[in-house]
Amino acid sequence: MKNRDFALVTERMGPLPLVNHFLDHLGIEETFERFVPTTHPRVKLSYAKALGILLRSILTEREPIYRLGEVVESYDPVQFGLEEHEAGEVKDDSVGRALERLFDADRGSMLTELVVTAAQEFGLDLGELHNDSTSIRFTGQYSNAKGRSIRGRRAPFITYGFSKDHRPDLKQLLFILTTTKDGAVPVQFRCEAGNESDSRTHEETWEALCRVTGRRDFLYVADGKLCNAEAMDHIDGRRAVRHRDPEKSLGGQGVPRVDPDP
């Protein structure tokens, strides 16, 4: 024993074991493998693993793509879903190719599947959903980001609009998010053109929520921008359940609720 050499190896884990617990329950990597399969034989890092690395980085470090390799090297690579020999393959071009394939994927179906899985795995209550939107500002011209079609899909239109960040000098996108009342878990999100009006987004959002939840009797909570004839008539005309009893209607099932603007 006296002549044996010992080496101390220290591996950083941070919050990733906890993050991985939830990702495993959601089946993130398996979902990525099905919706964003690796089709090129020369790709050394699968698209699913590259997207998993980016997702974990957003949740923990929030570093730019060109620094993801350094981030992975500072952790135990297993925590990023990698074998030890794969850690050296994490480069910005490998993650970029994965994002290209994600753009082409059926992201709507993928997100719907993840939301349904989350509701089943964690017992989420989808009976009351809360919607809001905000503007995401960009620094730069983005002269080609005009909502053009790329490989049959519409790219975002980054342009000037009403800035909720109080930066009318910068272009932006409108980011729309709907969460559960139970734990504020994201259920549906999308981005629209930077000059899109909030009041015109609710019909599409409500229809998407019907598809995700598989029901039309949930309580839809939003701010005063929901209070317009087109959106209210659309929801009232399309909902499947109508309560005639005033006491049963008090809960608002199947009826949109409008919260005043803060």
Protein backbone atom coordinates (compact mmCIF):
# COMPACT_ATOMS: atom_id res chain seq x y z
CA MET A 1 0.00 0.00 0.00
CA LYS A 2 2.83 2.40 0.75
CA ASN A 3 4.16 2.22 -2.82
CA ARG A 4 0.85 2.61 -4.61
CA ASP A 5 0.19 5.87 -6.40
CA PHE A 6 -3.16 7.54 -6.04
CA ALA A 7 -4.63 10.25 -8.23
CA LEU A 8 -7.30 12.64 -7.03
CA VAL A 9 -9.84 13.43 -9.75
CA THR A 10 -12.31 16.23 -9.14
CA GLU A 11 -15.42 16.52 -11.32
CA ARG A 12 -17.76 19.49 -11.26
CA MET A 13 -21.48 18.68 -11.29
CA GLY A 14 -23.20 21.86 -10.15
CA PRO A 15 -27.02 21.75 -10.46
CA LEU A 16 -26.95 19.30 -13.39
CA PRO A 17 -27.91 16.14 -11.43
CA LEU A 18 -31.13 17.90 -10.45
CA VAL A 19 -31.67 19.24 -13.99
CA ASN A 20 -31.05 15.78 -15.44
CA HIS A 21 -33.63 14.27 -13.11
CA PHE A 22 -36.36 16.33 -14.78
CA LEU A 23 -34.96 15.93 -18.29
CA ASP A 24 -34.89 12.15 -17.85
CA HIS A 25 -38.53 12.12 -16.71
CA LEU A 26 -39.46 14.17 -19.79
CA GLY A 27 -37.47 11.88 -22.09
CA ILE A 28 -35.73 14.86 -23.68
CA GLU A 29 -32.93 12.99 -25.44
CA GLU A 30 -35.25 10.31 -26.83
CA THR A 31 -37.61 13.03 -28.08
CA PHE A 32 -34.76 14.88 -29.77
CA GLU A 33 -33.59 11.63 -31.37
CA ARG A 34 -37.02 11.07 -32.94
CA PHE A 35 -37.73 14.61 -34.08
CA VAL A 36 -34.16 15.68 -34.95
CA PRO A 37 -32.47 12.45 -36.05
CA THR A 38 -28.81 12.42 -37.08
CA THR A 39 -28.81 11.55 -40.76
CA HIS A 40 -25.27 12.42 -41.85
CA PRO A 41 -22.78 9.57 -41.30
CA ARG A 42 -19.84 11.92 -40.70
CA VAL A 43 -21.46 13.74 -37.78
CA LYS A 44 -19.44 12.85 -34.67
CA LEU A 45 -21.81 14.39 -32.14
CA SER A 46 -25.47 13.50 -32.63
CA TYR A 47 -27.93 16.36 -33.07
CA ALA A 48 -29.87 15.14 -30.04
CA LYS A 49 -26.80 15.32 -27.79
CA ALA A 50 -25.80 18.72 -29.18
CA LEU A 51 -29.28 20.11 -28.44
CA GLY A 52 -29.16 18.53 -24.98
CA ILE A 53 -25.87 20.31 -24.29
CA LEU A 54 -27.32 23.66 -25.39
CA LEU A 55 -30.43 23.13 -23.26
CA ARG A 56 -28.41 22.31 -20.15
CA SER A 57 -26.13 25.28 -20.77
CA ILE A 58 -29.12 27.64 -21.01
CA LEU A 59 -30.41 26.29 -17.70
CA THR A 60 -27.06 26.57 -15.89
CA GLU A 61 -24.43 28.79 -17.54
CA ARG A 62 -26.11 30.77 -20.33
CA GLU A 63 -22.90 31.01 -22.31
CA PRO A 64 -22.81 31.76 -26.07
CA ILE A 65 -22.60 28.81 -28.46
CA TYR A 66 -18.92 29.34 -29.22
CA ARG A 67 -18.10 28.75 -25.54
CA LEU A 68 -20.08 25.53 -25.06
CA GLY A 69 -16.95 23.42 -25.44
CA GLU A 70 -15.33 25.25 -22.52
CA VAL A 71 -18.49 24.86 -20.46
CA VAL A 72 -18.59 21.09 -21.00
CA GLU A 73 -14.88 20.76 -20.19
CA SER A 74 -15.46 22.44 -16.83
CA TYR A 75 -18.03 19.77 -15.83
CA ASP A 76 -18.19 16.02 -15.62
CA PRO A 77 -19.17 15.28 -19.27
CA VAL A 78 -21.60 12.60 -18.12
CA GLN A 79 -23.75 15.38 -16.66
CA PHE A 80 -24.16 16.72 -20.20
CA GLY A 81 -25.22 13.32 -21.48
CA LEU A 82 -21.82 12.63 -23.05
CA GLU A 83 -19.27 9.87 -23.02
CA GLU A 84 -15.81 11.05 -22.03
CA HIS A 85 -14.47 10.80 -25.61
CA GLU A 86 -17.37 12.94 -26.92
CA ALA A 87 -16.51 15.99 -24.82
CA GLY A 88 -13.90 17.12 -27.35
CA GLU A 89 -16.48 17.11 -30.15
CA VAL A 90 -18.52 19.95 -28.66
CA LYS A 91 -17.92 22.83 -31.06
CA ASP A 92 -19.99 25.74 -32.25
CA ASP A 93 -20.41 24.25 -35.73
CA SER A 94 -21.74 20.95 -34.36
CA VAL A 95 -24.33 22.78 -32.25
CA GLY A 96 -25.13 25.08 -35.18
CA ARG A 97 -25.86 22.11 -37.46
CA ALA A 98 -28.17 20.69 -34.79
CA LEU A 99 -30.06 23.98 -34.60
CA GLU A 100 -30.41 23.97 -38.41
CA ARG A 101 -32.04 20.55 -38.21
CA LEU A 102 -34.24 21.69 -35.33
CA PHE A 103 -35.54 24.54 -37.49
CA ASP A 104 -36.64 21.98 -40.09
CA ALA A 105 -38.22 19.65 -37.53
CA ASP A 106 -41.89 19.42 -36.57
CA ARG A 107 -41.34 21.57 -33.49
CA GLY A 108 -45.04 22.04 -32.80
CA SER A 109 -45.63 18.32 -32.41
CA MET A 110 -42.44 17.93 -30.41
CA LEU A 111 -43.40 20.62 -27.91
CA THR A 112 -46.94 19.26 -27.64
CA GLU A 113 -45.56 15.82 -26.82
CA LEU A 114 -43.25 17.27 -24.16
CA VAL A 115 -46.08 19.23 -22.53
CA VAL A 116 -48.31 16.14 -22.44
CA THR A 117 -45.46 14.11 -20.95
CA ALA A 118 -44.81 16.78 -18.32
CA ALA A 119 -48.49 16.83 -17.35
CA GLN A 120 -48.54 13.05 -16.99
CA GLU A 121 -45.19 12.70 -15.21
CA PHE A 122 -45.66 15.54 -12.74
CA GLY A 123 -49.45 15.71 -12.47
CA LEU A 124 -49.80 19.24 -13.84
CA ASP A 125 -53.21 20.87 -13.66
CA LEU A 126 -54.11 22.16 -17.14
CA GLY A 127 -57.47 23.53 -16.03
CA GLU A 128 -56.23 27.13 -15.74
CA LEU A 129 -53.68 28.65 -18.11
CA HIS A 130 -52.11 32.11 -17.91
CA ASN A 131 -50.98 34.03 -21.00
CA ASP A 132 -48.75 37.07 -21.42
CA SER A 133 -46.36 38.51 -23.98
CA THR A 134 -43.26 40.66 -24.00
CA SER A 135 -40.85 42.12 -26.51
CA ILE A 136 -37.35 40.69 -27.02
CA ARG A 137 -34.96 43.33 -28.33
CA PHE A 138 -32.11 42.78 -30.79
CA THR A 139 -28.99 44.86 -31.36
CA GLY A 140 -28.20 45.02 -35.07
CA GLN A 141 -29.90 45.48 -38.41
CA TYR A 142 -30.98 41.88 -39.19
CA SER A 143 -31.74 43.04 -42.72
CA ASN A 144 -32.67 39.54 -43.93
CA ALA A 145 -34.98 38.73 -41.01
CA LYS A 146 -38.16 39.86 -42.75
CA GLY A 147 -40.34 36.82 -42.20
CA ARG A 148 -39.09 35.14 -45.35
CA SER A 149 -39.68 31.48 -46.14
CA ILE A 150 -36.71 29.19 -45.51
CA ARG A 151 -37.02 25.59 -46.70
CA GLY A 152 -40.79 25.86 -46.53
CA ARG A 153 -40.92 27.41 -43.04
CA ARG A 154 -41.51 31.00 -41.99
CA ALA A 155 -38.59 32.67 -40.27
CA PRO A 156 -39.21 35.38 -37.62
CA PHE A 157 -39.69 39.00 -38.71
CA ILE A 158 -37.37 41.10 -36.57
CA THR A 159 -38.53 44.70 -36.89
CA TYR A 160 -39.47 47.83 -34.98
CA GLY A 161 -42.61 47.89 -32.86
CA PHE A 162 -43.98 48.90 -29.48
CA SER A 163 -41.04 48.20 -27.17
CA LYS A 164 -41.94 46.94 -23.71
CA ASP A 165 -38.25 47.37 -22.87
CA HIS A 166 -38.58 51.10 -23.67
CA ARG A 167 -36.02 50.79 -26.48
CA PRO A 168 -37.89 51.95 -29.60
CA ASP A 169 -34.52 52.40 -31.32
CA LEU A 170 -33.96 48.61 -31.43
CA LYS A 171 -35.68 45.97 -33.52
CA GLN A 172 -37.55 43.23 -31.69
CA LEU A 173 -39.72 40.11 -31.70
CA LEU A 174 -42.93 39.57 -29.77
CA PHE A 175 -42.52 36.61 -27.40
CA ILE A 176 -45.80 34.96 -26.29
CA LEU A 177 -45.84 32.57 -23.35
CA THR A 178 -48.64 30.60 -21.69
CA THR A 179 -48.07 28.77 -18.40
CA THR A 180 -50.05 26.68 -15.96
CA LYS A 181 -51.43 28.29 -12.84
CA ASP A 182 -49.98 25.28 -11.06
CA GLY A 183 -46.26 26.10 -10.77
CA ALA A 184 -46.10 28.46 -13.78
CA VAL A 185 -44.92 25.61 -16.02
CA PRO A 186 -44.63 26.69 -19.70
CA VAL A 187 -47.29 25.06 -21.87
CA GLN A 188 -47.13 26.98 -25.14
CA PHE A 189 -44.93 29.67 -26.55
CA ARG A 190 -44.10 31.22 -29.89
CA CYS A 191 -42.70 34.41 -31.35
CA GLU A 192 -44.37 36.80 -33.75
CA ALA A 193 -43.19 39.78 -35.76
CA GLY A 194 -41.83 42.67 -33.72
CA ASN A 195 -44.68 44.93 -34.86
CA GLU A 196 -47.46 42.42 -34.14
CA SER A 197 -50.22 43.65 -31.82
CA ASP A 198 -50.84 41.64 -28.63
CA SER A 199 -54.59 41.77 -29.24
CA ARG A 200 -54.26 39.75 -32.46
CA THR A 201 -52.36 36.84 -30.92
CA HIS A 202 -55.00 35.27 -28.68
CA GLU A 203 -57.01 33.33 -31.25
CA GLU A 204 -54.01 31.34 -32.48
CA THR A 205 -52.75 30.87 -28.91
CA TRP A 206 -56.12 29.56 -27.71
CA GLU A 207 -56.37 27.09 -30.60
CA ALA A 208 -52.86 25.84 -29.88
CA LEU A 209 -53.73 25.35 -26.21
CA CYS A 210 -56.80 23.32 -27.19
CA ARG A 211 -54.56 21.00 -29.18
CA VAL A 212 -51.99 20.70 -26.39
CA THR A 213 -54.46 20.07 -23.57
CA GLY A 214 -56.97 18.06 -25.58
CA ARG A 215 -59.82 20.09 -24.10
CA ARG A 216 -61.71 23.38 -24.56
CA ASP A 217 -63.06 23.94 -21.06
CA PHE A 218 -59.90 25.36 -19.46
CA LEU A 219 -59.84 28.83 -17.91
CA TYR A 220 -57.79 31.16 -20.13
CA VAL A 221 -56.37 34.13 -18.20
CA ALA A 222 -54.81 37.11 -19.99
CA ASP A 223 -54.44 40.87 -19.65
CA GLY A 224 -56.66 43.55 -21.13
CA LYS A 225 -55.43 42.93 -24.69
CA LEU A 226 -57.72 39.88 -24.75
CA CYS A 227 -60.73 42.17 -24.44
CA ASN A 228 -61.46 42.65 -28.14
CA ALA A 229 -64.46 41.48 -30.13
CA GLU A 230 -62.57 39.20 -32.52
CA ALA A 231 -60.76 37.20 -29.82
CA MET A 232 -63.71 36.96 -27.44
CA ASP A 233 -66.14 35.95 -30.19
CA HIS A 234 -63.69 33.35 -31.50
CA ILE A 235 -63.22 31.71 -28.11
CA ASP A 236 -66.92 31.89 -27.22
CA GLY A 237 -67.94 30.41 -30.55
CA ARG A 238 -65.40 27.58 -30.57
CA ARG A 239 -65.43 26.36 -26.97
CA ALA A 240 -67.17 23.03 -26.54
CA VAL A 241 -68.52 23.39 -23.00
CA ARG A 242 -70.97 26.05 -21.86
CA HIS A 243 -72.21 26.20 -18.28
CA ARG A 244 -75.80 27.37 -17.86
CA ASP A 245 -75.84 27.16 -14.07
CA PRO A 246 -74.50 30.48 -12.66
CA GLU A 247 -72.91 28.70 -9.69
CA LYS A 248 -71.05 26.33 -12.00
CA SER A 249 -70.10 29.20 -14.27
CA LEU A 250 -68.48 31.04 -11.39
CA GLY A 251 -65.27 29.08 -11.91
CA GLY A 252 -65.08 30.35 -15.46
CA GLN A 253 -64.52 27.03 -17.21
CA GLY A 254 -64.69 27.48 -20.94
CA VAL A 255 -64.81 31.27 -20.51
CA PRO A 256 -61.86 33.63 -20.92
CA ARG A 257 -61.03 35.82 -17.95
CA VAL A 258 -59.55 39.24 -18.47
CA ASP A 259 -57.18 40.66 -15.91
CA PRO A 260 -56.65 44.44 -15.93
CA ASP A 261 -53.34 45.74 -17.21
CA PRO A 262 -50.83 46.35 -14.40
